[in-house]
């Protein structure tokens, strides 16, 4: 698919998507640290250990997979 056919340039859109992803990571961290009580690898309070799950899942599964998809689409359009 050609980006000129859509009438937009992909590079500014990708920067916006990157910034929204980083903002979402920050929001997940704030939610887990301040509103759910914190993060811990080892703790007597098991909910602190479980709080790592949404943080790591968002960073690993959603953010990094999206970065790969954006890179793949951007490379496909411009090469």
PDB file of N, CA and C in Angstrom:
ATOM      1  N   UNK A   1       0.847  -1.162   0.000  1.00  0.00           N
ATOM      2  CA  UNK A   1       0.000   0.000   0.000  1.00  0.00           C
ATOM      3  C   UNK A   1       0.899   1.234   0.000  1.00  0.00           C
ATOM      4  N   UNK A   2       0.603   2.165  -0.871  1.00  0.00           N
ATOM      5  CA  UNK A   2       1.406   3.372  -1.005  1.00  0.00           C
ATOM      6  C   UNK A   2       0.888   4.448  -0.067  1.00  0.00           C
ATOM      7  N   UNK A   3       1.820   5.079   0.688  1.00  0.00           N
ATOM      8  CA  UNK A   3       1.391   6.098   1.651  1.00  0.00           C
ATOM      9  C   UNK A   3       0.878   7.346   0.956  1.00  0.00           C
ATOM     10  N   UNK A   4       1.320   7.617  -0.253  1.00  0.00           N
ATOM     11  CA  UNK A   4       0.834   8.794  -0.972  1.00  0.00           C
ATOM     12  C   UNK A   4      -0.629   8.630  -1.358  1.00  0.00           C
ATOM     13  N   UNK A   5      -1.064   7.412  -1.524  1.00  0.00           N
ATOM     14  CA  UNK A   5      -2.459   7.176  -1.853  1.00  0.00           C
ATOM     15  C   UNK A   5      -3.362   7.548  -0.679  1.00  0.00           C
ATOM     16  N   UNK A   6      -2.866   7.428   0.549  1.00  0.00           N
ATOM     17  CA  UNK A   6      -3.645   7.794   1.723  1.00  0.00           C
ATOM     18  C   UNK A   6      -3.593   9.290   2.004  1.00  0.00           C
ATOM     19  N   UNK A   7      -2.631   9.983   1.421  1.00  0.00           N
ATOM     20  CA  UNK A   7      -2.527  11.415   1.610  1.00  0.00           C
ATOM     21  C   UNK A   7      -1.798  11.827   2.874  1.00  0.00           C
ATOM     22  N   UNK A   8      -1.102  10.891   3.535  1.00  0.00           N
ATOM     23  CA  UNK A   8      -0.342  11.221   4.738  1.00  0.00           C
ATOM     24  C   UNK A   8       1.077  10.686   4.598  1.00  0.00           C
ATOM     25  N   UNK A   9       1.972  11.292   5.339  1.00  0.00           N
ATOM     26  CA  UNK A   9       3.353  10.811   5.391  1.00  0.00           C
ATOM     27  C   UNK A   9       3.484   9.957   6.646  1.00  0.00           C
ATOM     28  N   UNK A  10       4.133   8.812   6.517  1.00  0.00           N
ATOM     29  CA  UNK A  10       4.157   7.842   7.609  1.00  0.00           C
ATOM     30  C   UNK A  10       5.065   8.248   8.767  1.00  0.00           C
ATOM     31  N   UNK A  11       6.155   8.967   8.494  1.00  0.00           N
ATOM     32  CA  UNK A  11       7.140   9.227   9.539  1.00  0.00           C
ATOM     33  C   UNK A  11       6.573  10.018  10.724  1.00  0.00           C
ATOM     34  N   UNK A  12       5.837  11.125  10.536  1.00  0.00           N
ATOM     35  CA  UNK A  12       5.281  11.813  11.708  1.00  0.00           C
ATOM     36  C   UNK A  12       4.260  10.963  12.470  1.00  0.00           C
ATOM     37  N   UNK A  13       3.522  10.150  11.748  1.00  0.00           N
ATOM     38  CA  UNK A  13       2.536   9.288  12.396  1.00  0.00           C
ATOM     39  C   UNK A  13       3.234   8.254  13.274  1.00  0.00           C
ATOM     40  N   UNK A  14       4.357   7.717  12.799  1.00  0.00           N
ATOM     41  CA  UNK A  14       5.072   6.736  13.612  1.00  0.00           C
ATOM     42  C   UNK A  14       5.640   7.365  14.877  1.00  0.00           C
ATOM     43  N   UNK A  15       6.101   8.616  14.792  1.00  0.00           N
ATOM     44  CA  UNK A  15       6.589   9.296  15.999  1.00  0.00           C
ATOM     45  C   UNK A  15       5.463   9.488  17.008  1.00  0.00           C
ATOM     46  N   UNK A  16       4.284   9.834  16.536  1.00  0.00           N
ATOM     47  CA  UNK A  16       3.138   9.993  17.438  1.00  0.00           C
ATOM     48  C   UNK A  16       2.806   8.655  18.103  1.00  0.00           C
ATOM     49  N   UNK A  17       2.828   7.585  17.324  1.00  0.00           N
ATOM     50  CA  UNK A  17       2.530   6.255  17.873  1.00  0.00           C
ATOM     51  C   UNK A  17       3.582   5.845  18.899  1.00  0.00           C
ATOM     52  N   UNK A  18       4.846   6.133  18.639  1.00  0.00           N
ATOM     53  CA  UNK A  18       5.911   5.827  19.601  1.00  0.00           C
ATOM     54  C   UNK A  18       5.687   6.592  20.908  1.00  0.00           C
ATOM     55  N   UNK A  19       5.363   7.861  20.811  1.00  0.00           N
ATOM     56  CA  UNK A  19       5.146   8.676  22.016  1.00  0.00           C
ATOM     57  C   UNK A  19       3.914   8.202  22.790  1.00  0.00           C
ATOM     58  N   UNK A  20       2.866   7.817  22.089  1.00  0.00           N
ATOM     59  CA  UNK A  20       1.688   7.274  22.776  1.00  0.00           C
ATOM     60  C   UNK A  20       2.015   5.956  23.479  1.00  0.00           C
ATOM     61  N   UNK A  21       2.847   5.134  22.866  1.00  0.00           N
ATOM     62  CA  UNK A  21       3.267   3.885  23.502  1.00  0.00           C
ATOM     63  C   UNK A  21       4.073   4.131  24.761  1.00  0.00           C
ATOM     64  N   UNK A  22       4.999   5.086  24.696  1.00  0.00           N
ATOM     65  CA  UNK A  22       5.786   5.416  25.888  1.00  0.00           C
ATOM     66  C   UNK A  22       4.911   6.012  26.987  1.00  0.00           C
ATOM     67  N   UNK A  23       3.935   6.830  26.596  1.00  0.00           N
ATOM     68  CA  UNK A  23       3.001   7.385  27.586  1.00  0.00           C
ATOM     69  C   UNK A  23       2.172   6.270  28.227  1.00  0.00           C
ATOM     70  N   UNK A  24       1.785   5.282  27.440  1.00  0.00           N
ATOM     71  CA  UNK A  24       1.013   4.160  27.985  1.00  0.00           C
ATOM     72  C   UNK A  24       1.844   3.339  28.956  1.00  0.00           C
ATOM     73  N   UNK A  25       3.135   3.136  28.648  1.00  0.00           N
ATOM     74  CA  UNK A  25       4.017   2.432  29.584  1.00  0.00           C
ATOM     75  C   UNK A  25       4.107   3.204  30.892  1.00  0.00           C
ATOM     76  N   UNK A  26       4.269   4.509  30.797  1.00  0.00           N
ATOM     77  CA  UNK A  26       4.331   5.338  31.992  1.00  0.00           C
ATOM     78  C   UNK A  26       3.046   5.245  32.805  1.00  0.00           C
ATOM     79  N   UNK A  27       1.905   5.251  32.140  1.00  0.00           N
ATOM     80  CA  UNK A  27       0.629   5.146  32.852  1.00  0.00           C
ATOM     81  C   UNK A  27       0.467   3.791  33.537  1.00  0.00           C
ATOM     82  N   UNK A  28       0.903   2.720  32.893  1.00  0.00           N
ATOM     83  CA  UNK A  28       0.821   1.393  33.517  1.00  0.00           C
ATOM     84  C   UNK A  28       1.734   1.333  34.740  1.00  0.00           C
ATOM     85  N   UNK A  29       2.934   1.909  34.623  1.00  0.00           N
ATOM     86  CA  UNK A  29       3.834   1.946  35.778  1.00  0.00           C
ATOM     87  C   UNK A  29       3.251   2.756  36.924  1.00  0.00           C
ATOM     88  N   UNK A  30       2.691   3.923  36.619  1.00  0.00           N
ATOM     89  CA  UNK A  30       2.075   4.749  37.673  1.00  0.00           C
ATOM     90  C   UNK A  30       0.924   3.997  38.313  1.00  0.00           C
ATOM     91  N   UNK A  31       0.106   3.336  37.509  1.00  0.00           N
ATOM     92  CA  UNK A  31      -1.039   2.598  38.044  1.00  0.00           C
ATOM     93  C   UNK A  31      -0.576   1.490  38.985  1.00  0.00           C
ATOM     94  N   UNK A  32       0.440   0.740  38.571  1.00  0.00           N
ATOM     95  CA  UNK A  32       0.901  -0.370  39.407  1.00  0.00           C
ATOM     96  C   UNK A  32       1.658   0.098  40.641  1.00  0.00           C
ATOM     97  N   UNK A  33       2.444   1.155  40.533  1.00  0.00           N
ATOM     98  CA  UNK A  33       3.247   1.601  41.666  1.00  0.00           C
ATOM     99  C   UNK A  33       2.409   2.376  42.676  1.00  0.00           C
ATOM    100  N   UNK A  34       1.645   3.344  42.216  1.00  0.00           N
ATOM    101  CA  UNK A  34       0.942   4.214  43.155  1.00  0.00           C
ATOM    102  C   UNK A  34      -0.432   3.709  43.552  1.00  0.00           C
ATOM    103  N   UNK A  35      -1.156   3.088  42.628  1.00  0.00           N
ATOM    104  CA  UNK A  35      -2.527   2.695  42.937  1.00  0.00           C
ATOM    105  C   UNK A  35      -2.683   1.228  43.334  1.00  0.00           C
ATOM    106  N   UNK A  36      -1.700   0.389  42.998  1.00  0.00           N
ATOM    107  CA  UNK A  36      -1.781  -1.021  43.372  1.00  0.00           C
ATOM    108  C   UNK A  36      -0.744  -1.412  44.408  1.00  0.00           C
ATOM    109  N   UNK A  37       0.054  -0.462  44.880  1.00  0.00           N
ATOM    110  CA  UNK A  37       0.916  -0.731  46.013  1.00  0.00           C
ATOM    111  C   UNK A  37       2.374  -1.005  45.727  1.00  0.00           C
ATOM    112  N   UNK A  38       2.784  -1.054  44.473  1.00  0.00           N
ATOM    113  CA  UNK A  38       4.195  -1.221  44.179  1.00  0.00           C
ATOM    114  C   UNK A  38       4.511  -2.489  43.415  1.00  0.00           C
ATOM    115  N   UNK A  39       5.787  -2.633  43.081  1.00  0.00           N
ATOM    116  CA  UNK A  39       6.284  -3.779  42.331  1.00  0.00           C
ATOM    117  C   UNK A  39       7.361  -4.482  43.146  1.00  0.00           C
ATOM    118  N   UNK A  40       7.500  -5.781  42.974  1.00  0.00           N
ATOM    119  CA  UNK A  40       8.552  -6.519  43.676  1.00  0.00           C
ATOM    120  C   UNK A  40       8.815  -7.833  42.958  1.00  0.00           C
ATOM    121  N   UNK A  41      10.100  -8.204  42.883  1.00  0.00           N
ATOM    122  CA  UNK A  41      10.452  -9.527  42.376  1.00  0.00           C
ATOM    123  C   UNK A  41      10.211 -10.587  43.441  1.00  0.00           C
ATOM    124  N   UNK A  42      10.571 -10.254  44.689  1.00  0.00           N
ATOM    125  CA  UNK A  42      10.360 -11.155  45.818  1.00  0.00           C
ATOM    126  C   UNK A  42       9.758 -10.347  46.954  1.00  0.00           C
ATOM    127  N   UNK A  43       8.654 -10.828  47.499  1.00  0.00           N
ATOM    128  CA  UNK A  43       8.008 -10.123  48.609  1.00  0.00           C
ATOM    129  C   UNK A  43       7.082 -11.093  49.332  1.00  0.00           C
ATOM    130  N   UNK A  44       6.777 -10.754  50.577  1.00  0.00           N
ATOM    131  CA  UNK A  44       5.801 -11.555  51.307  1.00  0.00           C
ATOM    132  C   UNK A  44       4.390 -11.245  50.819  1.00  0.00           C
ATOM    133  N   UNK A  45       4.171 -10.030  50.349  1.00  0.00           N
ATOM    134  CA  UNK A  45       2.883  -9.650  49.780  1.00  0.00           C
ATOM    135  C   UNK A  45       2.862 -10.070  48.312  1.00  0.00           C
ATOM    136  N   UNK A  46       2.097 -11.114  48.015  1.00  0.00           N
ATOM    137  CA  UNK A  46       2.090 -11.687  46.671  1.00  0.00           C
ATOM    138  C   UNK A  46       1.473 -10.752  45.634  1.00  0.00           C
ATOM    139  N   UNK A  47       0.669  -9.795  46.053  1.00  0.00           N
ATOM    140  CA  UNK A  47       0.090  -8.872  45.077  1.00  0.00           C
ATOM    141  C   UNK A  47       1.156  -7.955  44.480  1.00  0.00           C
ATOM    142  N   UNK A  48       2.214  -7.665  45.228  1.00  0.00           N
ATOM    143  CA  UNK A  48       3.306  -6.858  44.675  1.00  0.00           C
ATOM    144  C   UNK A  48       4.043  -7.620  43.585  1.00  0.00           C
ATOM    145  N   UNK A  49       4.181  -8.920  43.762  1.00  0.00           N
ATOM    146  CA  UNK A  49       4.818  -9.737  42.733  1.00  0.00           C
ATOM    147  C   UNK A  49       3.921  -9.814  41.509  1.00  0.00           C
ATOM    148  N   UNK A  50       2.617  -9.984  41.719  1.00  0.00           N
ATOM    149  CA  UNK A  50       1.698 -10.059  40.582  1.00  0.00           C
ATOM    150  C   UNK A  50       1.618  -8.738  39.833  1.00  0.00           C
ATOM    151  N   UNK A  51       1.901  -7.614  40.487  1.00  0.00           N
ATOM    152  CA  UNK A  51       1.858  -6.323  39.814  1.00  0.00           C
ATOM    153  C   UNK A  51       2.893  -6.210  38.702  1.00  0.00           C
ATOM    154  N   UNK A  52       3.905  -7.058  38.716  1.00  0.00           N
ATOM    155  CA  UNK A  52       4.856  -7.080  37.612  1.00  0.00           C
ATOM    156  C   UNK A  52       4.217  -7.593  36.328  1.00  0.00           C
ATOM    157  N   UNK A  53       3.197  -8.415  36.453  1.00  0.00           N
ATOM    158  CA  UNK A  53       2.574  -9.033  35.285  1.00  0.00           C
ATOM    159  C   UNK A  53       2.042  -8.012  34.285  1.00  0.00           C
ATOM    160  N   UNK A  54       1.193  -7.058  34.680  1.00  0.00           N
ATOM    161  CA  UNK A  54       0.716  -6.109  33.666  1.00  0.00           C
ATOM    162  C   UNK A  54       1.820  -5.231  33.095  1.00  0.00           C
ATOM    163  N   UNK A  55       2.805  -4.888  33.908  1.00  0.00           N
ATOM    164  CA  UNK A  55       3.902  -4.042  33.419  1.00  0.00           C
ATOM    165  C   UNK A  55       4.712  -4.792  32.370  1.00  0.00           C
ATOM    166  N   UNK A  56       5.140  -6.001  32.691  1.00  0.00           N
ATOM    167  CA  UNK A  56       5.962  -6.763  31.761  1.00  0.00           C
ATOM    168  C   UNK A  56       5.177  -7.217  30.537  1.00  0.00           C
ATOM    169  N   UNK A  57       3.907  -7.552  30.702  1.00  0.00           N
ATOM    170  CA  UNK A  57       3.080  -7.936  29.563  1.00  0.00           C
ATOM    171  C   UNK A  57       2.873  -6.765  28.617  1.00  0.00           C
ATOM    172  N   UNK A  58       2.641  -5.586  29.170  1.00  0.00           N
ATOM    173  CA  UNK A  58       2.441  -4.435  28.299  1.00  0.00           C
ATOM    174  C   UNK A  58       3.721  -4.083  27.554  1.00  0.00           C
ATOM    175  N   UNK A  59       4.841  -4.051  28.278  1.00  0.00           N
ATOM    176  CA  UNK A  59       6.107  -3.692  27.634  1.00  0.00           C
ATOM    177  C   UNK A  59       6.517  -4.761  26.621  1.00  0.00           C
ATOM    178  N   UNK A  60       6.466  -6.009  27.038  1.00  0.00           N
ATOM    179  CA  UNK A  60       6.960  -7.077  26.179  1.00  0.00           C
ATOM    180  C   UNK A  60       6.030  -7.459  25.055  1.00  0.00           C
ATOM    181  N   UNK A  61       4.788  -7.639  25.371  1.00  0.00           N
ATOM    182  CA  UNK A  61       3.866  -8.170  24.374  1.00  0.00           C
ATOM    183  C   UNK A  61       3.270  -7.074  23.502  1.00  0.00           C
ATOM    184  N   UNK A  62       2.768  -6.026  24.113  1.00  0.00           N
ATOM    185  CA  UNK A  62       2.061  -5.003  23.349  1.00  0.00           C
ATOM    186  C   UNK A  62       3.031  -3.999  22.736  1.00  0.00           C
ATOM    187  N   UNK A  63       3.919  -3.397  23.552  1.00  0.00           N
ATOM    188  CA  UNK A  63       4.768  -2.323  23.047  1.00  0.00           C
ATOM    189  C   UNK A  63       5.830  -2.833  22.077  1.00  0.00           C
ATOM    190  N   UNK A  64       6.567  -3.862  22.456  1.00  0.00           N
ATOM    191  CA  UNK A  64       7.645  -4.339  21.581  1.00  0.00           C
ATOM    192  C   UNK A  64       7.082  -4.998  20.318  1.00  0.00           C
ATOM    193  N   UNK A  65       5.972  -5.703  20.427  1.00  0.00           N
ATOM    194  CA  UNK A  65       5.353  -6.273  19.235  1.00  0.00           C
ATOM    195  C   UNK A  65       4.849  -5.175  18.304  1.00  0.00           C
ATOM    196  N   UNK A  66       4.310  -4.120  18.862  1.00  0.00           N
ATOM    197  CA  UNK A  66       3.861  -2.990  18.039  1.00  0.00           C
ATOM    198  C   UNK A  66       5.035  -2.295  17.370  1.00  0.00           C
ATOM    199  N   UNK A  67       6.145  -2.162  18.093  1.00  0.00           N
ATOM    200  CA  UNK A  67       7.344  -1.564  17.500  1.00  0.00           C
ATOM    201  C   UNK A  67       7.813  -2.386  16.302  1.00  0.00           C
ATOM    202  N   UNK A  68       7.810  -3.696  16.436  1.00  0.00           N
ATOM    203  CA  UNK A  68       8.201  -4.551  15.327  1.00  0.00           C
ATOM    204  C   UNK A  68       7.254  -4.431  14.146  1.00  0.00           C
ATOM    205  N   UNK A  69       5.974  -4.329  14.419  1.00  0.00           N
ATOM    206  CA  UNK A  69       4.987  -4.177  13.356  1.00  0.00           C
ATOM    207  C   UNK A  69       5.167  -2.842  12.644  1.00  0.00           C
ATOM    208  N   UNK A  70       5.401  -1.781  13.397  1.00  0.00           N
ATOM    209  CA  UNK A  70       5.618  -0.467  12.786  1.00  0.00           C
ATOM    210  C   UNK A  70       6.875  -0.494  11.927  1.00  0.00           C
ATOM    211  N   UNK A  71       7.940  -1.081  12.439  1.00  0.00           N
ATOM    212  CA  UNK A  71       9.187  -1.167  11.680  1.00  0.00           C
ATOM    213  C   UNK A  71       8.983  -1.967  10.401  1.00  0.00           C
ATOM    214  N   UNK A  72       8.259  -3.060  10.488  1.00  0.00           N
ATOM    215  CA  UNK A  72       8.007  -3.887   9.318  1.00  0.00           C
ATOM    216  C   UNK A  72       7.198  -3.116   8.278  1.00  0.00           C
ATOM    217  N   UNK A  73       6.153  -2.439   8.686  1.00  0.00           N
ATOM    218  CA  UNK A  73       5.325  -1.684   7.749  1.00  0.00           C
ATOM    219  C   UNK A  73       6.084  -0.510   7.157  1.00  0.00           C
ATOM    220  N   UNK A  74       6.870   0.181   7.974  1.00  0.00           N
ATOM    221  CA  UNK A  74       7.635   1.330   7.499  1.00  0.00           C
ATOM    222  C   UNK A  74       8.690   0.887   6.493  1.00  0.00           C
ATOM    223  N   UNK A  75       9.346  -0.238   6.758  1.00  0.00           N
ATOM    224  CA  UNK A  75      10.347  -0.763   5.841  1.00  0.00           C
ATOM    225  C   UNK A  75       9.687  -1.226   4.546  1.00  0.00           C
ATOM    226  N   UNK A  76       8.528  -1.838   4.655  1.00  0.00           N
ATOM    227  CA  UNK A  76       7.813  -2.324   3.478  1.00  0.00           C
ATOM    228  C   UNK A  76       7.380  -1.165   2.580  1.00  0.00           C
ATOM    229  N   UNK A  77       6.951  -0.055   3.167  1.00  0.00           N
ATOM    230  CA  UNK A  77       6.466   1.068   2.383  1.00  0.00           C
ATOM    231  C   UNK A  77       7.582   1.818   1.678  1.00  0.00           C
ATOM    232  N   UNK A  78       8.735   1.910   2.309  1.00  0.00           N
ATOM    233  CA  UNK A  78       9.783   2.773   1.781  1.00  0.00           C
ATOM    234  C   UNK A  78      10.976   2.036   1.192  1.00  0.00           C
ATOM    235  N   UNK A  79      10.895   0.752   1.000  1.00  0.00           N
ATOM    236  CA  UNK A  79      11.982   0.013   0.335  1.00  0.00           C
ATOM    237  C   UNK A  79      11.465  -0.738  -0.853  1.00  0.00           C
TER     238      UNK A  79
END
